[in-house]
Amino acid sequence: MFPAAALSFLRCPVCGTGFSVADHSLRCETGHSYDIARQGYVNLLPGDARPGTADTADMVAAREGFLESGHFAGLRRLIAEAAGRAVAEAGGGSGAGAGGSDAAGGCIVEVGAGTGYYLAGVLDHLPGAVGLALDISKFAARRAARAHERMAAVVCDAWKALPITDGAADLVLDVFAPRNPAEFRRILRPDGRLLVVTPTAGHLRELVAALGLVTVDERKAERLEQALGADFAPVSSEGYEELLLLGAAEAAAVVEMGPSARHLSADELRTRLAALGGPLTATLSVTVATYSPRTP
């Protein structure tokens, strides 16, 4: 079921007006209509849009299985705690934005939300908040729609105008996902926060070296600051590392849910893993950074 509380934060991608629910669809004030899928998500991509590099069903299934195993649970807790602090710093989710939520926690938007794993953790930490899980993959949206009762799953393109009303969000969450700074600033309240989680150059370094995976640019942090600088000012940053012990199937899943899945076939991946033998260690290494929108 699509959460009714999310409606006031969404806008039509064609004309920008608000929505109401009618006959299992979202219908805007000028008559554009978008079906709510039986799995509970809504597709707000324009009719001529193409999913392009959207995660496939196999990639999403790999991500869901791996995350449910609990290997990233520590990171999820850290993100939820950081989100709670950010919302408190931004006024406690007073709902001053266009959505008008008066619940503590306000509206939390995750861009590139995937299965909704991290956003669900944030919503558990902020019991009054409404979550919007945005992803271009319908396979991800299907899973996010059932990840939390206060989460609405929306298919849209992170690189385009987001179907969110101006100033709706108390917090925008971006975990290993595309970043559209101008849109992030538009949908945030003036005193809102952006929380960005990025891999460091040492992320999964053991698997990268052993399997020949795609590496993280050592200048990633510098490039992130350059990309966000015109729209956001840094507030805080902390690193997080954890050593994971993975079986062959789990190691395969963590590879298949990331960018290396597009560069290494499943058969080749399993051949390389079989050659390594035994449980594998891998370092989860990320930076969790908080930003505030700059005044126009």
Protein backbone atom coordinates (compact mmCIF):
# COMPACT_ATOMS: atom_id res chain seq x y z
CA MET A 1 0.00 0.00 0.00
CA PHE A 2 1.38 3.42 -0.97
CA PRO A 3 1.68 5.53 2.25
CA ALA A 4 -0.81 8.40 2.12
CA ALA A 5 1.51 10.56 4.24
CA ALA A 6 3.99 10.68 1.36
CA LEU A 7 1.59 12.33 -1.10
CA SER A 8 2.11 15.90 0.08
CA PHE A 9 5.86 15.64 -0.62
CA LEU A 10 5.51 14.49 -4.25
CA ARG A 11 4.87 16.48 -7.41
CA CYS A 12 3.97 15.53 -10.96
CA PRO A 13 7.11 15.15 -13.13
CA VAL A 14 5.29 16.71 -16.08
CA CYS A 15 3.55 19.78 -14.68
CA GLY A 16 4.83 20.02 -11.12
CA THR A 17 1.44 20.02 -9.40
CA GLY A 18 0.46 17.92 -6.40
CA PHE A 19 -1.15 14.47 -6.26
CA SER A 20 -4.22 12.76 -4.90
CA VAL A 21 -5.01 9.03 -4.96
CA ALA A 22 -7.76 7.84 -7.29
CA ASP A 23 -8.47 4.30 -8.53
CA HIS A 24 -5.09 2.88 -7.45
CA SER A 25 -3.28 5.74 -9.19
CA LEU A 26 -1.64 9.02 -8.32
CA ARG A 27 -3.44 11.76 -10.21
CA CYS A 28 -2.17 15.34 -10.36
CA GLU A 29 -4.22 18.51 -10.41
CA THR A 30 -4.05 18.79 -14.20
CA GLY A 31 -4.98 15.17 -14.89
CA HIS A 32 -1.69 13.29 -15.33
CA SER A 33 -2.05 9.82 -13.85
CA TYR A 34 0.50 7.25 -12.64
CA ASP A 35 -0.50 3.75 -11.64
CA ILE A 36 0.45 2.40 -8.25
CA ALA A 37 1.96 -1.01 -9.02
CA ARG A 38 0.54 -4.03 -7.23
CA GLN A 39 3.89 -4.26 -5.39
CA GLY A 40 3.18 -0.82 -3.88
CA TYR A 41 5.57 1.51 -5.71
CA VAL A 42 4.81 4.24 -8.25
CA ASN A 43 6.73 4.92 -11.46
CA LEU A 44 7.16 8.69 -12.00
CA LEU A 45 9.54 8.46 -14.94
CA PRO A 46 8.29 10.50 -17.93
CA GLY A 47 6.93 8.40 -20.76
CA ASP A 48 9.99 8.88 -22.97
CA ALA A 49 12.51 8.06 -20.21
CA ARG A 50 14.77 5.03 -20.39
CA PRO A 51 16.09 3.20 -17.33
CA GLY A 52 19.60 3.01 -18.85
CA THR A 53 21.98 1.75 -16.17
CA ALA A 54 19.26 0.83 -13.67
CA ASP A 55 20.09 -2.13 -11.44
CA THR A 56 18.87 -5.41 -12.87
CA ALA A 57 16.72 -7.94 -11.05
CA ASP A 58 19.82 -10.06 -10.38
CA MET A 59 21.79 -7.12 -8.97
CA VAL A 60 18.91 -6.14 -6.68
CA ALA A 61 18.43 -9.71 -5.51
CA ALA A 62 22.15 -9.97 -4.72
CA ARG A 63 22.01 -6.72 -2.75
CA GLU A 64 18.92 -7.75 -0.81
CA GLY A 65 20.36 -11.14 0.10
CA PHE A 66 23.70 -9.73 1.18
CA LEU A 67 22.27 -6.88 3.24
CA GLU A 68 19.80 -9.18 4.98
CA SER A 69 22.75 -11.31 6.10
CA GLY A 70 23.69 -8.43 8.42
CA HIS A 71 27.22 -7.73 7.17
CA PHE A 72 26.49 -4.00 6.75
CA ALA A 73 24.34 -3.72 9.90
CA GLY A 74 27.01 -1.68 11.69
CA LEU A 75 27.09 0.84 8.85
CA ARG A 76 23.29 0.97 8.84
CA ARG A 77 23.27 1.84 12.56
CA LEU A 78 25.90 4.53 12.03
CA ILE A 79 23.88 6.08 9.19
CA ALA A 80 20.69 6.04 11.30
CA GLU A 81 22.48 7.74 14.19
CA ALA A 82 24.07 10.33 11.89
CA ALA A 83 20.66 10.99 10.33
CA GLY A 84 19.13 11.49 13.76
CA ARG A 85 21.80 14.02 14.71
CA ALA A 86 21.44 15.82 11.38
CA VAL A 87 17.67 16.13 11.73
CA ALA A 88 18.07 17.40 15.30
CA GLU A 89 20.61 20.00 14.14
CA ALA A 90 18.20 21.06 11.39
CA GLY A 91 15.41 21.81 13.83
CA GLY A 92 14.18 18.38 14.82
CA GLY A 93 12.01 17.72 11.78
CA SER A 94 9.64 20.59 12.48
CA GLY A 95 8.07 20.22 9.05
CA ALA A 96 8.64 23.80 7.98
CA GLY A 97 8.96 22.72 4.36
CA ALA A 98 6.35 22.54 1.66
CA GLY A 99 5.09 19.15 2.80
CA GLY A 100 3.97 20.55 6.12
CA SER A 101 4.70 17.47 8.21
CA ASP A 102 4.33 18.15 11.93
CA ALA A 103 5.87 14.83 12.91
CA ALA A 104 9.30 14.66 14.52
CA GLY A 105 11.68 13.58 11.79
CA GLY A 106 9.77 15.18 8.91
CA CYS A 107 10.44 13.87 5.41
CA ILE A 108 13.55 11.80 4.71
CA VAL A 109 14.44 11.33 1.03
CA GLU A 110 16.94 8.68 -0.06
CA VAL A 111 18.21 9.01 -3.62
CA GLY A 112 19.41 5.76 -5.20
CA ALA A 113 17.72 3.95 -2.31
CA GLY A 114 17.93 0.46 -3.79
CA THR A 115 16.03 -1.96 -1.57
CA GLY A 116 15.42 0.69 1.10
CA TYR A 117 17.74 -1.01 3.61
CA TYR A 118 19.41 2.15 4.92
CA LEU A 119 16.30 4.33 4.76
CA ALA A 120 14.36 1.75 6.79
CA GLY A 121 17.03 1.95 9.47
CA VAL A 122 16.73 5.74 9.53
CA LEU A 123 12.93 5.55 9.81
CA ASP A 124 13.24 3.14 12.75
CA HIS A 125 15.49 5.74 14.40
CA LEU A 126 13.06 8.60 13.61
CA PRO A 127 9.61 7.19 14.45
CA GLY A 128 7.71 10.26 13.24
CA ALA A 129 9.38 10.53 9.84
CA VAL A 130 8.06 9.70 6.39
CA GLY A 131 10.53 8.19 3.93
CA LEU A 132 10.72 8.53 0.15
CA ALA A 133 12.89 5.87 -1.52
CA LEU A 134 13.90 7.05 -5.00
CA ASP A 135 15.54 4.73 -7.53
CA ILE A 136 15.53 4.32 -11.29
CA SER A 137 15.25 0.53 -10.99
CA LYS A 138 11.73 -0.86 -10.76
CA PHE A 139 13.20 -4.04 -9.29
CA ALA A 140 14.68 -2.02 -6.43
CA ALA A 141 11.44 -0.08 -5.96
CA ARG A 142 9.46 -3.31 -5.62
CA ARG A 143 11.57 -4.26 -2.61
CA ALA A 144 11.74 -0.77 -1.11
CA ALA A 145 7.95 -0.56 -1.18
CA ARG A 146 7.79 -3.30 1.43
CA ALA A 147 10.88 -2.32 3.43
CA HIS A 148 9.02 -0.08 5.91
CA GLU A 149 5.42 0.92 6.53
CA ARG A 150 6.33 4.63 6.43
CA MET A 151 8.36 4.38 3.24
CA ALA A 152 7.03 5.23 -0.23
CA ALA A 153 8.98 3.84 -3.19
CA VAL A 154 9.22 5.96 -6.34
CA VAL A 155 10.90 5.19 -9.67
CA CYS A 156 12.62 8.29 -11.04
CA ASP A 157 15.92 9.46 -12.51
CA ALA A 158 18.37 10.98 -10.02
CA TRP A 159 20.05 12.97 -12.80
CA LYS A 160 16.82 14.74 -13.76
CA ALA A 161 14.40 16.97 -11.86
CA LEU A 162 13.19 14.96 -8.88
CA PRO A 163 9.41 14.54 -8.41
CA ILE A 164 9.64 16.13 -4.94
CA THR A 165 8.17 19.46 -3.86
CA ASP A 166 10.46 22.39 -3.07
CA GLY A 167 11.73 22.38 0.53
CA ALA A 168 10.00 19.11 1.39
CA ALA A 169 12.91 17.20 2.91
CA ASP A 170 14.44 17.54 6.35
CA LEU A 171 17.20 15.19 5.21
CA VAL A 172 18.43 13.87 1.87
CA LEU A 173 20.32 10.59 2.16
CA ASP A 174 22.76 9.43 -0.52
CA VAL A 175 24.51 6.09 0.09
CA PHE A 176 26.83 4.91 -2.72
CA ALA A 177 24.46 6.67 -5.12
CA PRO A 178 24.38 9.37 -7.84
CA ARG A 179 24.42 12.97 -6.65
CA ASN A 180 22.46 15.85 -8.14
CA PRO A 181 23.48 18.79 -5.90
CA ALA A 182 21.16 21.43 -7.38
CA GLU A 183 18.13 19.17 -7.01
CA PHE A 184 19.19 18.09 -3.52
CA ARG A 185 19.32 21.72 -2.45
CA ARG A 186 15.94 22.47 -4.07
CA ILE A 187 14.09 19.68 -2.26
CA LEU A 188 15.73 20.38 1.12
CA ARG A 189 14.40 22.79 3.70
CA PRO A 190 16.71 25.81 4.05
CA ASP A 191 17.94 24.38 7.35
CA GLY A 192 17.89 20.76 6.16
CA ARG A 193 20.84 18.41 5.83
CA LEU A 194 22.43 16.23 3.17
CA LEU A 195 24.03 12.98 4.37
CA VAL A 196 26.43 11.36 1.88
CA VAL A 197 28.10 7.97 2.29
CA THR A 198 30.98 7.21 -0.08
CA PRO A 199 33.51 4.38 -0.29
CA THR A 200 37.14 5.16 0.45
CA ALA A 201 40.01 3.99 -1.75
CA GLY A 202 40.40 1.06 0.67
CA HIS A 203 36.81 -0.17 0.41
CA LEU A 204 36.71 -3.96 -0.12
CA ARG A 205 40.43 -3.74 -0.89
CA GLU A 206 41.05 -7.45 -0.36
CA LEU A 207 38.41 -8.43 -2.93
CA VAL A 208 39.49 -5.70 -5.33
CA ALA A 209 43.05 -7.03 -5.33
CA ALA A 210 42.16 -10.73 -5.45
CA LEU A 211 39.38 -10.52 -8.04
CA GLY A 212 40.49 -7.60 -10.19
CA LEU A 213 37.46 -5.46 -9.36
CA VAL A 214 36.70 -1.85 -10.21
CA THR A 215 38.71 0.40 -7.90
CA VAL A 216 37.62 3.56 -6.10
CA ASP A 217 39.26 6.76 -7.33
CA GLU A 218 41.74 7.95 -4.71
CA ARG A 219 40.60 11.52 -5.42
CA LYS A 220 36.94 10.66 -4.82
CA ALA A 221 36.67 12.78 -1.66
CA GLU A 222 38.21 15.76 -3.44
CA ARG A 223 35.88 15.36 -6.41
CA LEU A 224 32.88 15.07 -4.08
CA GLU A 225 33.71 18.37 -2.40
CA GLN A 226 34.12 20.03 -5.78
CA ALA A 227 30.79 18.67 -7.00
CA LEU A 228 28.88 19.77 -3.90
CA GLY A 229 30.75 23.01 -3.18
CA ALA A 230 28.48 25.43 -5.04
CA ASP A 231 25.34 24.15 -3.30
CA PHE A 232 26.45 22.75 0.06
CA ALA A 233 28.81 23.54 2.93
CA PRO A 234 30.43 20.71 4.95
CA VAL A 235 29.16 20.24 8.51
CA SER A 236 30.84 17.05 9.73
CA SER A 237 32.59 13.92 8.49
CA GLU A 238 33.54 10.58 10.03
CA GLY A 239 35.14 7.42 8.75
CA TYR A 240 33.90 3.90 9.34
CA GLU A 241 35.78 0.63 8.85
CA GLU A 242 34.85 -2.94 9.66
CA LEU A 243 36.49 -6.22 8.72
CA LEU A 244 34.03 -8.66 7.16
CA LEU A 245 34.40 -12.43 6.96
CA LEU A 246 32.66 -13.73 3.84
CA GLY A 247 31.88 -17.09 2.36
CA ALA A 248 32.14 -17.55 -1.39
CA ALA A 249 28.42 -16.88 -1.97
CA GLU A 250 28.53 -13.73 0.17
CA ALA A 251 31.66 -12.47 -1.58
CA ALA A 252 29.93 -13.05 -4.91
CA ALA A 253 26.88 -11.12 -3.71
CA VAL A 254 28.86 -8.09 -2.55
CA VAL A 255 30.53 -7.94 -5.96
CA GLU A 256 27.29 -8.48 -7.88
CA MET A 257 25.49 -5.66 -6.08
CA GLY A 258 28.09 -3.06 -7.08
CA PRO A 259 29.64 -1.52 -10.21
CA SER A 260 31.90 -4.51 -10.84
CA ALA A 261 28.80 -6.51 -11.76
CA ARG A 262 28.82 -4.69 -15.10
CA HIS A 263 32.43 -5.58 -15.82
CA LEU A 264 32.69 -9.19 -14.64
CA SER A 265 30.39 -12.01 -15.70
CA ALA A 266 28.84 -14.23 -13.03
CA ASP A 267 30.68 -17.27 -14.39
CA GLU A 268 34.05 -15.49 -14.34
CA LEU A 269 33.41 -14.19 -10.84
CA ARG A 270 32.67 -17.65 -9.51
CA THR A 271 35.72 -19.08 -11.25
CA ARG A 272 37.96 -16.50 -9.60
CA LEU A 273 36.34 -17.04 -6.18
CA ALA A 274 36.72 -20.82 -6.44
CA ALA A 275 40.42 -20.36 -7.13
CA LEU A 276 40.81 -18.38 -3.91
CA GLY A 277 39.15 -21.01 -1.70
CA GLY A 278 38.07 -20.69 1.94
CA PRO A 279 36.41 -17.77 3.73
CA LEU A 280 37.53 -14.35 2.54
CA THR A 281 38.14 -11.14 4.45
CA ALA A 282 37.03 -7.78 3.10
CA THR A 283 37.25 -4.32 4.64
CA LEU A 284 34.15 -2.17 4.62
CA SER A 285 35.61 1.35 4.47
CA VAL A 286 33.48 4.45 3.97
CA THR A 287 33.13 8.12 4.82
CA VAL A 288 29.87 9.48 6.25
CA ALA A 289 29.63 13.23 5.66
CA THR A 290 26.95 15.77 6.50
CA TYR A 291 26.33 19.03 4.61
CA SER A 292 24.05 22.03 4.91
CA PRO A 293 22.58 23.87 1.90
CA ARG A 294 24.24 27.14 1.02
CA THR A 295 22.09 30.24 0.96
CA PRO A 296 21.29 31.19 -2.67
